[in-house]
Amino acid sequence: MRDMWTSHETWVYQCCRCSATWHEDYDVRHFDDGHGREAAVYQQAGQQTTPPWYDHECPECHSANVRAFTGFWNEPIPVRNRGHAEDLALVSRLRRMGAY
């Protein structure tokens, strides 16, 4: 007989493009796979879904560049500034020279 239990997880997502944040709740069914390892199935509203860290899109700007965090965050997570075009040109030049 396999052991099975269900847990509830909240995942927080942040878009790296527009800094929008949102959270989603999942029910996670944990199984013993019969070979000594654990398997997990993620569900939302009773339907099986992909894992929370896989294939998300920002609801605001539709960017696929999204970070996932476990737990609930009350404040926005700082997003690194992408820099300016001059910085990118400098890095490209340094890479061609083998210095970076």
Protein backbone atom coordinates (compact mmCIF):
# COMPACT_ATOMS: atom_id res chain seq x y z
CA MET A 1 0.00 0.00 0.00
CA ARG A 2 1.34 3.44 -0.97
CA ASP A 3 1.42 6.36 1.42
CA MET A 4 -0.37 9.45 0.16
CA TRP A 5 -0.98 12.84 1.73
CA THR A 6 -2.13 16.26 0.56
CA SER A 7 -0.65 19.64 1.44
CA HIS A 8 -1.57 23.19 0.50
CA GLU A 9 1.08 25.53 -0.99
CA THR A 10 0.99 29.19 -1.96
CA TRP A 11 3.40 30.34 -4.65
CA VAL A 12 4.24 33.98 -5.32
CA TYR A 13 5.23 35.12 -8.80
CA GLN A 14 7.00 38.27 -9.88
CA CYS A 15 7.43 39.50 -13.43
CA CYS A 16 11.02 40.52 -14.18
CA ARG A 17 9.79 42.86 -16.91
CA CYS A 18 7.04 44.98 -15.26
CA SER A 19 7.51 43.98 -11.55
CA ALA A 20 3.90 42.81 -11.19
CA THR A 21 3.38 40.32 -8.35
CA TRP A 22 0.60 37.79 -7.80
CA HIS A 23 0.10 34.52 -5.96
CA GLU A 24 -1.56 31.20 -6.73
CA ASP A 25 -2.69 28.41 -4.40
CA TYR A 26 -2.04 24.73 -5.10
CA ASP A 27 -3.08 21.45 -3.53
CA VAL A 28 -0.15 19.04 -3.67
CA ARG A 29 -0.72 15.29 -3.53
CA HIS A 30 2.43 13.49 -2.35
CA PHE A 31 2.95 9.79 -3.12
CA ASP A 32 5.49 7.13 -2.38
CA ASP A 33 6.33 5.93 -5.89
CA GLY A 34 6.94 2.34 -4.77
CA HIS A 35 10.73 2.62 -5.24
CA GLY A 36 11.53 4.63 -2.13
CA ARG A 37 11.18 8.04 -3.75
CA GLU A 38 8.49 10.68 -3.47
CA ALA A 39 6.35 11.95 -6.33
CA ALA A 40 4.10 15.01 -6.24
CA VAL A 41 1.09 16.06 -8.32
CA TYR A 42 -0.01 19.72 -8.31
CA GLN A 43 -3.69 20.61 -8.58
CA GLN A 44 -5.69 23.83 -8.85
CA ALA A 45 -9.48 23.74 -8.42
CA GLY A 46 -9.32 19.93 -8.50
CA GLN A 47 -7.58 19.79 -11.90
CA GLN A 48 -4.04 18.55 -12.39
CA THR A 49 -1.66 21.32 -13.48
CA THR A 50 2.01 21.83 -14.29
CA PRO A 51 4.38 22.46 -11.36
CA PRO A 52 4.29 26.05 -10.05
CA TRP A 53 7.81 26.87 -11.21
CA TYR A 54 7.17 25.86 -14.81
CA ASP A 55 5.70 27.84 -17.73
CA HIS A 56 4.07 30.95 -16.23
CA GLU A 57 3.15 34.19 -17.95
CA CYS A 58 2.66 37.63 -16.42
CA PRO A 59 -1.03 38.60 -16.40
CA GLU A 60 -0.13 42.28 -16.90
CA CYS A 61 2.45 42.35 -19.72
CA HIS A 62 2.35 38.67 -20.87
CA SER A 63 6.11 38.24 -20.40
CA ALA A 64 7.40 34.72 -19.83
CA ASN A 65 10.28 36.08 -17.70
CA VAL A 66 8.67 35.27 -14.33
CA ARG A 67 10.25 34.25 -11.03
CA ALA A 68 8.47 31.88 -8.63
CA PHE A 69 8.83 31.87 -4.84
CA THR A 70 7.29 29.60 -2.23
CA GLY A 71 5.28 31.27 0.51
CA PHE A 72 3.48 34.59 0.61
CA TRP A 73 5.41 37.84 0.30
CA ASN A 74 3.84 41.08 1.55
CA GLU A 75 6.25 43.41 -0.16
CA PRO A 76 7.54 43.53 -3.72
CA ILE A 77 10.82 41.79 -4.40
CA PRO A 78 13.39 44.13 -5.95
CA VAL A 79 14.08 43.50 -9.62
CA ARG A 80 17.51 44.24 -10.98
CA ASN A 81 17.76 47.12 -13.40
CA ARG A 82 18.56 45.84 -16.86
CA GLY A 83 21.07 48.61 -17.53
CA HIS A 84 21.48 50.84 -20.52
CA ALA A 85 22.45 50.18 -24.13
CA GLU A 86 25.90 51.67 -23.44
CA ASP A 87 26.49 49.04 -20.72
CA LEU A 88 25.53 46.25 -23.11
CA ALA A 89 27.88 47.62 -25.78
CA LEU A 90 30.72 47.76 -23.24
CA VAL A 91 30.12 44.17 -22.11
CA SER A 92 30.02 43.01 -25.75
CA ARG A 93 33.29 44.80 -26.46
CA LEU A 94 34.94 43.28 -23.36
CA ARG A 95 33.75 39.78 -24.32
CA ARG A 96 35.25 40.14 -27.80
CA MET A 97 38.54 41.12 -26.17
CA GLY A 98 38.34 38.11 -23.85
CA ALA A 99 38.35 40.34 -20.76
CA TYR A 100 34.88 39.38 -19.54
